[in-house]
Protein backbone atom coordinates (compact mmCIF):
# COMPACT_ATOMS: atom_id res chain seq x y z
CA UNK A 1 -0.09 0.05 -0.01
CA UNK A 2 2.83 2.50 0.95
CA UNK A 3 4.62 1.95 -2.42
CA UNK A 4 1.46 2.44 -4.39
CA UNK A 5 0.69 5.73 -2.47
CA UNK A 6 4.13 6.84 -3.26
CA UNK A 7 3.93 6.05 -7.03
CA UNK A 8 4.01 9.34 -9.13
CA UNK A 9 0.57 10.19 -10.37
CA UNK A 10 1.77 10.58 -14.14
CA UNK A 11 3.24 7.19 -14.11
CA UNK A 12 0.18 5.28 -12.88
CA UNK A 13 -2.01 3.13 -15.01
CA UNK A 14 -5.71 3.03 -14.41
CA UNK A 15 -5.46 -0.41 -12.98
CA UNK A 16 -2.62 0.74 -10.47
CA UNK A 17 -4.78 3.26 -8.64
CA UNK A 18 -5.43 2.14 -5.08
CA UNK A 19 -8.93 1.45 -3.77
CA UNK A 20 -10.73 4.33 -1.98
CA UNK A 21 -11.48 2.10 0.90
CA UNK A 22 -8.11 0.64 1.32
CA UNK A 23 -6.86 4.32 1.59
CA UNK A 24 -9.28 5.19 4.24
CA UNK A 25 -8.54 2.05 6.13
CA UNK A 26 -4.80 3.12 5.94
CA UNK A 27 -5.79 6.15 8.11
CA UNK A 28 -7.12 3.78 10.74
CA UNK A 29 -10.84 4.27 9.87
CA UNK A 30 -13.61 1.82 9.89
CA UNK A 31 -15.14 1.96 6.47
CA UNK A 32 -18.58 1.19 5.35
CA UNK A 33 -20.06 0.48 8.81
CA UNK A 34 -23.75 -0.10 9.25
CA UNK A 35 -25.78 2.89 8.85
CA UNK A 36 -27.17 2.67 12.49
CA UNK A 37 -23.67 3.12 13.78
CA UNK A 38 -23.17 6.40 11.69
CA UNK A 39 -26.52 7.58 12.67
CA UNK A 40 -25.87 7.07 16.22
CA UNK A 41 -22.85 9.45 16.10
CA UNK A 42 -24.82 11.92 14.12
CA UNK A 43 -27.46 12.11 16.90
CA UNK A 44 -24.98 11.94 19.98
CA UNK A 45 -22.89 14.83 18.39
CA UNK A 46 -25.87 17.22 17.80
CA UNK A 47 -25.14 17.12 14.02
CA UNK A 48 -29.03 16.68 13.52
CA UNK A 49 -30.23 19.81 14.95
CA UNK A 50 -34.03 20.06 15.31
CA UNK A 51 -35.01 21.69 11.99
CA UNK A 52 -33.05 19.07 10.05
CA UNK A 53 -34.20 16.05 12.18
CA UNK A 54 -37.73 17.04 11.69
CA UNK A 55 -37.30 17.22 7.75
CA UNK A 56 -35.70 13.81 7.73
CA UNK A 57 -37.91 11.94 10.38
CA UNK A 58 -40.48 10.59 7.88
CA UNK A 59 -37.64 9.09 5.79
CA UNK A 60 -35.33 7.37 8.09
CA UNK A 61 -36.78 3.72 7.17
CA UNK A 62 -35.78 4.40 3.62
CA UNK A 63 -32.41 6.26 4.19
CA UNK A 64 -30.83 3.52 6.29
CA UNK A 65 -31.41 0.77 3.83
CA UNK A 66 -30.37 3.02 0.92
CA UNK A 67 -26.99 3.94 2.62
CA UNK A 68 -26.29 0.22 3.53
CA UNK A 69 -27.08 -0.79 0.11
CA UNK A 70 -24.83 1.93 -1.66
CA UNK A 71 -22.01 1.52 0.66
CA UNK A 72 -21.85 -2.19 -0.60
CA UNK A 73 -21.63 -1.46 -4.19
CA UNK A 74 -18.27 -1.87 -6.29
CA UNK A 75 -17.03 0.53 -7.08
CA UNK A 76 -18.62 2.39 -4.34
CA UNK A 77 -21.18 5.10 -4.89
CA UNK A 78 -21.30 6.00 -1.28
CA UNK A 79 -18.59 5.68 1.37
CA UNK A 80 -19.05 6.14 5.04
CA UNK A 81 -16.22 6.13 7.58
CA UNK A 82 -15.89 5.97 11.42
CA UNK A 83 -13.17 6.82 13.82
CA UNK A 84 -13.48 5.17 17.24
CA UNK A 85 -10.05 5.30 18.66
CA UNK A 86 -10.80 7.84 21.28
CA UNK A 87 -13.99 9.44 21.01
CA UNK A 88 -16.28 9.08 17.80
CA UNK A 89 -16.12 10.95 14.56
CA UNK A 90 -17.80 10.20 11.18
CA UNK A 91 -18.29 11.47 7.56
CA UNK A 92 -19.39 10.29 4.07
CA UNK A 93 -18.79 11.05 0.50
CA UNK A 94 -20.91 10.15 -2.48
CA UNK A 95 -20.43 10.27 -6.26
CA UNK A 96 -22.22 13.29 -7.49
CA UNK A 97 -20.97 12.67 -11.19
CA UNK A 98 -18.72 10.31 -13.01
CA UNK A 99 -15.40 11.81 -11.88
CA UNK A 100 -16.38 14.05 -8.97
CA UNK A 101 -17.43 13.40 -5.23
CA UNK A 102 -19.55 15.22 -2.81
CA UNK A 103 -18.10 15.41 0.61
CA UNK A 104 -20.46 15.79 3.57
CA UNK A 105 -21.67 15.23 7.04
CA UNK A 106 -18.55 15.53 9.04
CA UNK A 107 -19.57 15.07 12.69
CA UNK A 108 -17.62 14.46 15.91
CA UNK A 109 -18.05 14.49 19.60
CA UNK A 110 -14.90 16.61 20.13
CA UNK A 111 -11.91 14.69 19.00
CA UNK A 112 -9.58 16.67 16.69
CA UNK A 113 -7.70 13.54 15.81
CA UNK A 114 -10.77 11.72 14.54
CA UNK A 115 -11.87 14.63 12.36
CA UNK A 116 -8.31 14.99 11.11
CA UNK A 117 -8.23 11.44 10.22
CA UNK A 118 -11.55 11.48 8.31
CA UNK A 119 -11.02 14.69 6.39
CA UNK A 120 -7.39 14.03 5.25
CA UNK A 121 -8.35 10.40 4.48
CA UNK A 122 -11.28 11.42 2.26
CA UNK A 123 -8.93 14.04 0.50
CA UNK A 124 -6.33 11.46 -0.21
CA UNK A 125 -8.91 8.81 -1.21
CA UNK A 126 -10.48 11.05 -3.80
CA UNK A 127 -7.01 12.33 -5.15
CA UNK A 128 -5.14 9.06 -5.16
CA UNK A 129 -7.70 6.38 -5.78
CA UNK A 130 -8.84 7.32 -9.31
CA UNK A 131 -8.70 10.04 -11.94
CA UNK A 132 -11.29 11.92 -10.12
CA UNK A 133 -11.66 15.64 -11.33
CA UNK A 134 -12.40 17.12 -7.84
CA UNK A 135 -14.94 17.48 -5.16
CA UNK A 136 -17.40 19.70 -3.58
CA UNK A 137 -18.51 20.22 0.07
CA UNK A 138 -21.34 22.25 1.40
CA UNK A 139 -21.39 23.64 4.97
CA UNK A 140 -23.07 26.18 7.15
CA UNK A 141 -20.77 29.26 7.20
CA UNK A 142 -21.49 29.85 10.90
CA UNK A 143 -20.11 26.41 11.69
CA UNK A 144 -16.47 27.07 12.70
CA UNK A 145 -14.96 23.77 12.05
CA UNK A 146 -15.86 23.22 8.35
CA UNK A 147 -15.53 26.87 7.70
CA UNK A 148 -11.90 26.65 8.88
CA UNK A 149 -11.31 23.27 7.06
CA UNK A 150 -12.96 24.06 3.65
CA UNK A 151 -13.45 27.82 3.62
CA UNK A 152 -11.48 30.92 2.86
CA UNK A 153 -8.25 29.91 4.69
CA UNK A 154 -7.13 27.76 1.97
CA UNK A 155 -8.17 30.05 -0.98
CA UNK A 156 -5.02 32.05 -1.96
CA UNK A 157 -6.79 34.63 -3.86
CA UNK A 158 -5.16 33.55 -7.32
CA UNK A 159 -8.54 33.32 -9.35
CA UNK A 160 -6.40 32.79 -12.45
CA UNK A 161 -5.75 29.16 -11.57
CA UNK A 162 -9.63 28.46 -11.70
CA UNK A 163 -9.12 25.35 -9.72
CA UNK A 164 -11.11 26.16 -6.86
CA UNK A 165 -14.17 28.24 -5.82
CA UNK A 166 -16.04 29.47 -2.81
CA UNK A 167 -19.72 30.54 -2.89
CA UNK A 168 -22.50 31.36 -0.60
CA UNK A 169 -26.13 30.25 -1.23
CA UNK A 170 -29.45 30.83 0.14
CA UNK A 171 -31.01 27.47 0.88
CA UNK A 172 -34.70 27.58 0.49
CA UNK A 173 -37.90 25.58 0.11
CA UNK A 174 -41.00 25.85 -2.12
CA UNK A 175 -44.14 23.98 -1.67
CA UNK A 176 -44.99 21.94 -4.80
CA UNK A 177 -48.70 22.93 -4.51
CA UNK A 178 -47.68 26.73 -4.92
CA UNK A 179 -46.00 26.15 -8.26
CA UNK A 180 -48.44 27.10 -10.95
CA UNK A 181 -47.46 27.85 -14.64
CA UNK A 182 -48.68 31.22 -15.59
CA UNK A 183 -48.25 33.34 -18.81
CA UNK A 184 -44.73 34.88 -19.00
CA UNK A 185 -44.24 38.35 -20.16
CA UNK A 186 -41.05 38.95 -22.28
CA UNK A 187 -39.42 35.57 -21.66
CA UNK A 188 -39.78 31.93 -22.57
CA UNK A 189 -38.66 28.89 -20.41
CA UNK A 190 -37.65 25.79 -22.18
CA UNK A 191 -36.19 22.51 -21.01
CA UNK A 192 -32.77 22.00 -22.38
CA UNK A 193 -31.68 19.31 -24.79
CA UNK A 194 -28.27 18.50 -26.25
CA UNK A 195 -28.42 21.52 -28.55
CA UNK A 196 -29.56 24.03 -26.01
CA UNK A 197 -27.65 22.77 -22.92
CA UNK A 198 -24.50 24.63 -23.99
CA UNK A 199 -26.28 28.05 -23.78
CA UNK A 200 -27.44 27.26 -20.27
CA UNK A 201 -23.78 26.24 -19.49
CA UNK A 202 -22.44 29.45 -20.92
CA UNK A 203 -24.76 31.44 -18.56
CA UNK A 204 -23.77 29.29 -15.66
CA UNK A 205 -20.09 29.68 -16.29
CA UNK A 206 -20.37 33.42 -16.47
CA UNK A 207 -22.28 33.56 -13.18
CA UNK A 208 -20.73 30.72 -11.13
CA UNK A 209 -17.39 30.54 -12.89
CA UNK A 210 -15.55 27.68 -14.47
CA UNK A 211 -14.83 25.50 -11.39
CA UNK A 212 -18.48 25.11 -10.67
CA UNK A 213 -19.09 24.12 -14.33
CA UNK A 214 -16.15 21.53 -14.05
CA UNK A 215 -17.23 19.91 -10.65
CA UNK A 216 -20.71 19.50 -12.03
CA UNK A 217 -19.50 18.19 -15.32
CA UNK A 218 -22.13 20.56 -17.13
CA UNK A 219 -20.15 20.72 -20.39
CA UNK A 220 -19.19 17.02 -20.78
CA UNK A 221 -22.22 15.34 -19.30
CA UNK A 222 -25.04 18.11 -18.77
CA UNK A 223 -27.77 15.65 -17.66
CA UNK A 224 -25.49 13.14 -15.73
CA UNK A 225 -25.89 10.22 -18.03
CA UNK A 226 -22.65 8.72 -16.85
CA UNK A 227 -23.34 8.63 -13.14
CA UNK A 228 -26.97 7.74 -13.86
CA UNK A 229 -25.98 4.45 -15.66
CA UNK A 230 -23.97 3.46 -12.48
CA UNK A 231 -27.04 4.21 -10.22
CA UNK A 232 -29.25 2.24 -12.52
CA UNK A 233 -27.21 -0.88 -12.08
CA UNK A 234 -28.69 -0.70 -8.48
CA UNK A 235 -32.26 0.14 -9.74
CA UNK A 236 -31.79 3.79 -8.85
CA UNK A 237 -31.44 7.06 -10.70
CA UNK A 238 -28.98 9.96 -10.38
CA UNK A 239 -29.73 12.55 -13.27
CA UNK A 240 -30.66 16.21 -13.73
CA UNK A 241 -32.75 18.24 -16.00
CA UNK A 242 -31.85 21.96 -16.95
CA UNK A 243 -34.50 24.69 -17.67
CA UNK A 244 -33.53 27.98 -19.39
CA UNK A 245 -35.21 31.21 -19.34
CA UNK A 246 -34.72 33.23 -22.76
CA UNK A 247 -35.51 36.88 -23.24
CA UNK A 248 -35.59 36.84 -27.18
CA UNK A 249 -32.28 35.00 -27.82
CA UNK A 250 -30.59 36.09 -24.61
CA UNK A 251 -30.36 33.61 -21.61
CA UNK A 252 -31.57 35.33 -18.36
CA UNK A 253 -31.77 32.47 -16.00
CA UNK A 254 -31.80 28.83 -15.57
CA UNK A 255 -32.72 26.05 -13.10
CA UNK A 256 -30.63 22.94 -12.66
CA UNK A 257 -32.90 20.35 -11.33
CA UNK A 258 -30.92 17.54 -9.66
CA UNK A 259 -32.52 14.22 -8.87
CA UNK A 260 -31.16 11.30 -6.85
CA UNK A 261 -31.93 8.66 -4.26
CA UNK A 262 -33.67 10.56 -1.35
CA UNK A 263 -31.43 10.95 1.65
CA UNK A 264 -27.97 10.68 0.03
CA UNK A 265 -27.55 14.20 1.75
CA UNK A 266 -29.45 15.02 4.98
CA UNK A 267 -30.28 18.47 3.52
CA UNK A 268 -31.49 16.85 0.28
CA UNK A 269 -28.88 18.51 -1.72
CA UNK A 270 -28.68 15.64 -4.04
CA UNK A 271 -32.28 16.71 -5.13
CA UNK A 272 -31.82 20.45 -5.12
CA UNK A 273 -33.19 22.71 -7.76
CA UNK A 274 -30.28 25.23 -8.23
CA UNK A 275 -31.52 28.60 -9.68
CA UNK A 276 -28.90 30.68 -11.57
CA UNK A 277 -29.74 34.26 -12.64
CA UNK A 278 -28.26 36.76 -14.96
CA UNK A 279 -26.99 39.54 -12.69
CA UNK A 280 -28.52 43.08 -12.51
CA UNK A 281 -32.02 42.29 -13.64
CA UNK A 282 -34.86 44.23 -12.21
CA UNK A 283 -36.09 42.62 -9.08
CA UNK A 284 -39.66 42.22 -10.18
CA UNK A 285 -38.65 40.66 -13.58
CA UNK A 286 -36.12 38.40 -11.87
CA UNK A 287 -38.69 37.17 -9.29
CA UNK A 288 -40.99 36.33 -12.22
CA UNK A 289 -38.38 34.37 -14.03
CA UNK A 290 -37.36 32.44 -10.93
CA UNK A 291 -41.09 31.65 -10.31
CA UNK A 292 -41.42 30.47 -13.99
CA UNK A 293 -38.23 28.32 -13.75
CA UNK A 294 -39.50 26.59 -10.64
CA UNK A 295 -42.86 25.95 -12.15
CA UNK A 296 -41.28 24.35 -15.20
CA UNK A 297 -39.00 22.39 -13.08
CA UNK A 298 -41.79 21.00 -10.83
CA UNK A 299 -42.40 18.20 -13.34
CA UNK A 300 -38.86 16.86 -12.61
CA UNK A 301 -39.97 16.55 -8.85
CA UNK A 302 -43.47 14.75 -9.40
CA UNK A 303 -41.93 11.61 -7.68
CA UNK A 304 -39.91 13.47 -5.06
CA UNK A 305 -41.43 12.36 -1.76
CA UNK A 306 -41.37 15.45 0.24
CA UNK A 307 -44.13 18.02 -0.50
CA UNK A 308 -41.61 20.59 -1.09
CA UNK A 309 -38.54 21.19 -3.27
CA UNK A 310 -35.18 22.20 -1.96
CA UNK A 311 -33.85 25.39 -3.68
CA UNK A 312 -30.29 26.93 -3.73
CA UNK A 313 -29.63 30.12 -5.24
CA UNK A 314 -27.11 32.88 -4.93
CA UNK A 315 -29.09 35.67 -6.30
CA UNK A 316 -30.37 38.28 -3.86
CA UNK A 317 -33.45 37.66 -1.69
CA UNK A 318 -35.16 40.52 -3.27
CA UNK A 319 -35.02 38.74 -6.59
CA UNK A 320 -36.95 35.72 -5.22
CA UNK A 321 -40.69 35.35 -5.43
CA UNK A 322 -42.73 35.07 -2.14
CA UNK A 323 -43.37 31.43 -2.59
CA UNK A 324 -39.51 30.79 -1.96
CA UNK A 325 -39.05 30.53 1.69
CA UNK A 326 -35.42 30.80 3.14
CA UNK A 327 -34.25 28.14 5.49
CA UNK A 328 -30.57 28.77 5.94
CA UNK A 329 -27.40 29.89 4.28
CA UNK A 330 -24.83 27.35 3.00
CA UNK A 331 -21.36 27.78 1.62
CA UNK A 332 -19.98 25.65 -1.26
CA UNK A 333 -16.33 25.08 -1.57
CA UNK A 334 -15.01 23.36 -4.77
CA UNK A 335 -11.66 22.07 -5.29
CA UNK A 336 -10.69 20.65 -8.53
CA UNK A 337 -7.76 18.16 -9.02
CA UNK A 338 -4.95 20.74 -9.47
CA UNK A 339 -5.99 22.43 -6.19
CA UNK A 340 -6.27 19.25 -4.15
CA UNK A 341 -2.55 18.87 -3.16
CA UNK A 342 -2.62 22.30 -1.95
CA UNK A 343 -6.00 21.61 0.06
CA UNK A 344 -4.33 18.46 1.59
CA UNK A 345 -1.20 20.27 2.74
CA UNK A 346 -3.33 22.98 4.34
CA UNK A 347 -5.23 20.42 6.14
CA UNK A 348 -1.92 18.82 7.52
CA UNK A 349 -0.74 22.28 8.71
CA UNK A 350 -4.17 23.17 10.34
CA UNK A 351 -4.54 19.70 12.09
CA UNK A 352 -0.94 19.83 13.09
CA UNK A 353 -1.68 22.89 15.13
CA UNK A 354 -4.92 21.55 16.47
CA UNK A 355 -3.46 18.26 17.51
CA UNK A 356 -0.61 19.74 19.16
CA UNK A 357 -2.74 21.86 21.46
CA UNK A 358 -5.04 18.75 22.14
CA UNK A 359 -1.95 16.59 22.84
CA UNK A 360 -0.52 19.13 25.23
CA UNK A 361 -3.82 19.08 27.14
CA UNK A 362 -4.11 15.33 27.27
CA UNK A 363 -0.58 13.91 27.37
CA UNK A 364 -0.47 13.86 31.10
CA UNK A 365 -3.67 11.90 31.27
CA UNK A 366 -3.14 9.41 28.37
CA UNK A 367 0.40 9.59 27.29
CA UNK A 368 0.45 6.02 25.60
CA UNK A 369 -2.53 6.99 23.36
CA UNK A 370 -1.05 10.39 22.39
CA UNK A 371 2.29 8.71 21.55
CA UNK A 372 0.34 6.28 19.25
CA UNK A 373 -1.30 9.23 17.67
CA UNK A 374 1.80 11.09 16.90
CA UNK A 375 3.19 7.94 15.34
CA UNK A 376 0.02 7.56 13.31
CA UNK A 377 0.06 11.10 12.07
CA UNK A 378 3.66 10.84 10.96
CA UNK A 379 2.67 8.11 8.64
CA UNK A 380 -0.21 9.79 6.95
CA UNK A 381 0.81 10.06 3.35
CA UNK A 382 1.43 13.12 1.42
CA UNK A 383 -0.24 13.67 -2.03
């Protein structure tokens, strides 16, 4: 395993990439545990705050079997990991597209070592195990730990590289019963096909930047046909539709309607409807376009079990119609492949400081455990 990790990336063949699960295990993690074990940590750590727990409550009987099923596919579509060596920590990643991952649900009951092992192991597994193009992670900006791990601290301000991005979104809900198609004035909404998807992609790139387009594979696979074929092998679906608003020949907004198995993400981000709007429209016109886009996208959510659709957008709240009800604010961090070694090195430096402080506090009480930890940290690979 060690020699494989040390093999230069450019000299590896596809068959020589190590397995994601082997890499996670090399960090001392228990991989693909039973979902009940993961859920117990989420509940004990306070990760499932009341609002989130309430929205998930009706669906736990479906979510548990789904996770257990997808954690056992080969290659894995969902990876869960747990660290139990002192306290308890857990996290998960799932394949959001053919060559990218969605990192999510880091939770811990207070052990910096456990979270370090999880985050660094996931970063190494995504980078070293395959020709993954990158990953994205969504977190609440007021949550200090993920903000520190994935947020602005690692963004060096060199936007010319276009290998990373950080953006804030309003996460909202809209009741399906309130979505009605009404005559539009001055614009038309279409559902994209292969010929019109590039028009929507151009607008998305202008508003969100090239890193967003790359991590979502919007140019190469606009409707997620590649990853959908893998989920279909399990009798499931993972796809998206794109709806485009046109004023004459000019794109003024679009809705990216993601669909996937319910509960892959506990905020239903795998099923979000992401609204992208051309900047500087009049608020009243923007609100009308958003409402029309959501009304058209509603058909994509006809079999979505909740009575509401999760909506994400980075357009100003004044540009949203009244039917869109804000819930919370999320930050999305994107790291494409060229940025991932820099991200990993930043994690090593950050956790080196955190663990040094924790070790100084605890060494007197548990010297043997802390010496074991120092030895383990020194063996974590570089990428």
